[in-house]
C-alpha atoms as a PDB file:
ATOM      1  CA  MET A   1     -18.802 196.109-125.760  1.00  0.00           C
ATOM      2  CA  VAL A   2     -19.012 192.505-124.299  1.00  0.00           C
ATOM      3  CA  ASP A   3     -15.642 190.870-123.541  1.00  0.00           C
ATOM      4  CA  PRO A   4     -14.773 188.565-126.235  1.00  0.00           C
ATOM      5  CA  GLY A   5     -13.939 185.733-124.111  1.00  0.00           C
ATOM      6  CA  THR A   6     -17.441 185.875-122.194  1.00  0.00           C
ATOM      7  CA  ALA A   7     -19.232 186.150-125.611  1.00  0.00           C
ATOM      8  CA  ALA A   8     -17.130 183.140-126.958  1.00  0.00           C
ATOM      9  CA  ILE A   9     -18.109 181.069-123.922  1.00  0.00           C
ATOM     10  CA  ALA A  10     -21.614 181.976-123.980  1.00  0.00           C
ATOM     11  CA  GLY A  11     -22.008 181.445-127.464  1.00  0.00           C
ATOM     12  CA  GLY A  12     -20.281 178.035-127.368  1.00  0.00           C
ATOM     13  CA  VAL A  13     -22.840 177.181-124.346  1.00  0.00           C
ATOM     14  CA  ALA A  14     -25.852 178.349-126.099  1.00  0.00           C
ATOM     15  CA  ALA A  15     -24.994 176.014-129.247  1.00  0.00           C
ATOM     16  CA  VAL A  16     -24.620 173.233-127.207  1.00  0.00           C
ATOM     17  CA  VAL A  17     -27.818 173.558-125.365  1.00  0.00           C
ATOM     18  CA  GLY A  18     -29.715 175.029-128.529  1.00  0.00           C
ATOM     19  CA  ALA A  19     -28.826 172.697-131.039  1.00  0.00           C
ATOM     20  CA  PRO A  20     -30.899 169.562-129.728  1.00  0.00           C
ATOM     21  CA  LEU A  21     -33.816 171.959-129.282  1.00  0.00           C
ATOM     22  CA  LEU A  22     -33.489 173.383-132.839  1.00  0.00           C
ATOM     23  CA  LEU A  23     -33.037 169.688-134.138  1.00  0.00           C
ATOM     24  CA  GLY A  24     -36.105 168.559-132.405  1.00  0.00           C
ATOM     25  CA  ALA A  25     -38.089 171.434-133.695  1.00  0.00           C
ATOM     26  CA  ALA A  26     -37.015 171.060-137.274  1.00  0.00           C
ATOM     27  CA  GLY A  27     -38.577 167.292-136.979  1.00  0.00           C
ATOM     28  CA  PHE A  28     -35.162 165.182-136.366  1.00  0.00           C
ATOM     29  CA  THR A  29     -35.735 163.288-133.450  1.00  0.00           C
ATOM     30  CA  ALA A  30     -34.546 159.980-131.815  1.00  0.00           C
ATOM     31  CA  ALA A  31     -37.672 158.327-133.318  1.00  0.00           C
ATOM     32  CA  GLY A  32     -36.883 159.657-136.842  1.00  0.00           C
ATOM     33  CA  ILE A  33     -38.103 162.439-138.889  1.00  0.00           C
ATOM     34  CA  ALA A  34     -41.491 163.826-137.779  1.00  0.00           C
ATOM     35  CA  ALA A  35     -43.857 163.773-140.606  1.00  0.00           C
ATOM     36  CA  GLY A  36     -45.002 167.330-141.950  1.00  0.00           C
ATOM     37  CA  SER A  37     -41.743 169.005-140.156  1.00  0.00           C
ATOM     38  CA  ILE A  38     -38.861 170.741-142.167  1.00  0.00           C
ATOM     39  CA  GLY A  39     -36.811 167.953-142.037  1.00  0.00           C
ATOM     40  CA  ALA A  40     -39.634 165.853-143.703  1.00  0.00           C
ATOM     41  CA  LYS A  41     -39.572 168.571-146.342  1.00  0.00           C
ATOM     42  CA  MET A  42     -35.792 168.288-146.719  1.00  0.00           C
ATOM     43  CA  MET A  43     -35.756 164.873-146.696  1.00  0.00           C
ATOM     44  CA  SER A  44     -38.392 164.693-149.690  1.00  0.00           C
ATOM     45  CA  ALA A  45     -36.216 167.416-151.712  1.00  0.00           C
ATOM     46  CA  ALA A  46     -33.040 165.566-150.988  1.00  0.00           C
ATOM     47  CA  ALA A  47     -34.875 162.318-152.231  1.00  0.00           C
ATOM     48  CA  VAL A  48     -36.022 163.959-155.390  1.00  0.00           C
ATOM     49  CA  ALA A  49     -32.746 165.364-156.273  1.00  0.00           C
ATOM     50  CA  ASN A  50     -31.227 162.057-155.713  1.00  0.00           C
ATOM     51  CA  GLY A  51     -33.574 159.908-157.669  1.00  0.00           C
ATOM     52  CA  GLY A  52     -35.442 158.488-154.976  1.00  0.00           C
ATOM     53  CA  GLY A  53     -32.952 158.055-152.049  1.00  0.00           C
ATOM     54  CA  VAL A  54     -31.323 160.307-149.635  1.00  0.00           C
ATOM     55  CA  ALA A  55     -27.660 159.858-149.908  1.00  0.00           C
ATOM     56  CA  ALA A  56     -25.624 158.626-146.798  1.00  0.00           C
ATOM     57  CA  GLY A  57     -23.388 161.398-145.301  1.00  0.00           C
ATOM     58  CA  GLY A  58     -25.407 164.377-146.805  1.00  0.00           C
ATOM     59  CA  LEU A  59     -27.077 167.082-144.793  1.00  0.00           C
ATOM     60  CA  VAL A  60     -30.276 165.273-144.057  1.00  0.00           C
ATOM     61  CA  ALA A  61     -28.704 162.227-143.059  1.00  0.00           C
ATOM     62  CA  GLY A  62     -26.297 164.380-140.896  1.00  0.00           C
ATOM     63  CA  LEU A  63     -29.098 165.917-139.189  1.00  0.00           C
ATOM     64  CA  GLN A  64     -31.030 162.933-138.523  1.00  0.00           C
ATOM     65  CA  ALA A  65     -28.284 161.322-137.041  1.00  0.00           C
ATOM     66  CA  ALA A  66     -27.275 164.184-134.682  1.00  0.00           C
ATOM     67  CA  GLY A  67     -31.028 164.290-133.740  1.00  0.00           C
ATOM     68  CA  ALA A  68     -31.143 160.660-132.955  1.00  0.00           C
ATOM     69  CA  ALA A  69     -27.864 160.661-130.906  1.00  0.00           C
ATOM     70  CA  GLY A  70     -28.306 163.803-129.241  1.00  0.00           C
ATOM     71  CA  LEU A  71     -25.148 165.243-131.044  1.00  0.00           C
ATOM     72  CA  SER A  72     -22.511 163.087-129.322  1.00  0.00           C
ATOM     73  CA  GLY A  73     -19.480 163.302-131.762  1.00  0.00           C
ATOM     74  CA  ALA A  74     -20.658 166.664-133.163  1.00  0.00           C
ATOM     75  CA  THR A  75     -20.744 168.412-129.935  1.00  0.00           C
ATOM     76  CA  ALA A  76     -17.180 169.910-130.304  1.00  0.00           C
ATOM     77  CA  ALA A  77     -18.013 171.411-133.670  1.00  0.00           C
ATOM     78  CA  VAL A  78     -21.177 172.711-132.312  1.00  0.00           C
ATOM     79  CA  ALA A  79     -19.652 174.345-129.428  1.00  0.00           C
ATOM     80  CA  GLY A  80     -16.782 175.744-131.429  1.00  0.00           C
ATOM     81  CA  THR A  81     -19.237 177.159-134.076  1.00  0.00           C
ATOM     82  CA  GLY A  82     -20.958 178.822-131.313  1.00  0.00           C
ATOM     83  CA  ALA A  83     -17.872 180.109-129.651  1.00  0.00           C
ATOM     84  CA  VAL A  84     -16.744 181.675-132.845  1.00  0.00           C
ATOM     85  CA  LEU A  85     -20.225 183.064-133.396  1.00  0.00           C
ATOM     86  CA  GLY A  86     -20.339 184.601-129.840  1.00  0.00           C
ATOM     87  CA  TRP A  87     -16.654 185.989-130.268  1.00  0.00           C
ATOM     88  CA  MET A  88     -17.852 187.593-133.524  1.00  0.00           C
ATOM     89  CA  ALA A  89     -20.916 189.223-132.050  1.00  0.00           C
ATOM     90  CA  SER A  90     -18.737 190.778-128.995  1.00  0.00           C
ATOM     91  CA  PHE A  91     -17.444 193.061-131.735  1.00  0.00           C
ATOM     92  CA  ILE A  92     -20.692 194.581-133.090  1.00  0.00           C
ATOM     93  CA  SER A  93     -21.765 197.365-130.988  1.00  0.00           C
END
C-alpha cells in the first residue's frame, strides 16, 4: 500500500502537469479551439444546444479559457482534485 500523503502529493503534481497537456490534446489551445478536435465537437454540440452560441461560463468556455491561459487561476483546483484522487487511489490494493 502506498502512503496516502505521498499518493496525494503525486496526484496533485500529476494533475497540474497533465492538465495542460490534456487540454491541448483535446484541442483547447492558446490559439483557439483546434478544428476537428474533441473541443470543436464539444463547442458544436454546445452551440446547437444553446440556439447557436456557446454560453459564457459554461464547460466549453471554461476549458478554452484554461487552455488559452495555461490554467493560471484554476491551478489550485486542479491540484486539489488530483491530490484527492491520488489519496483515494492509495487505499486501493
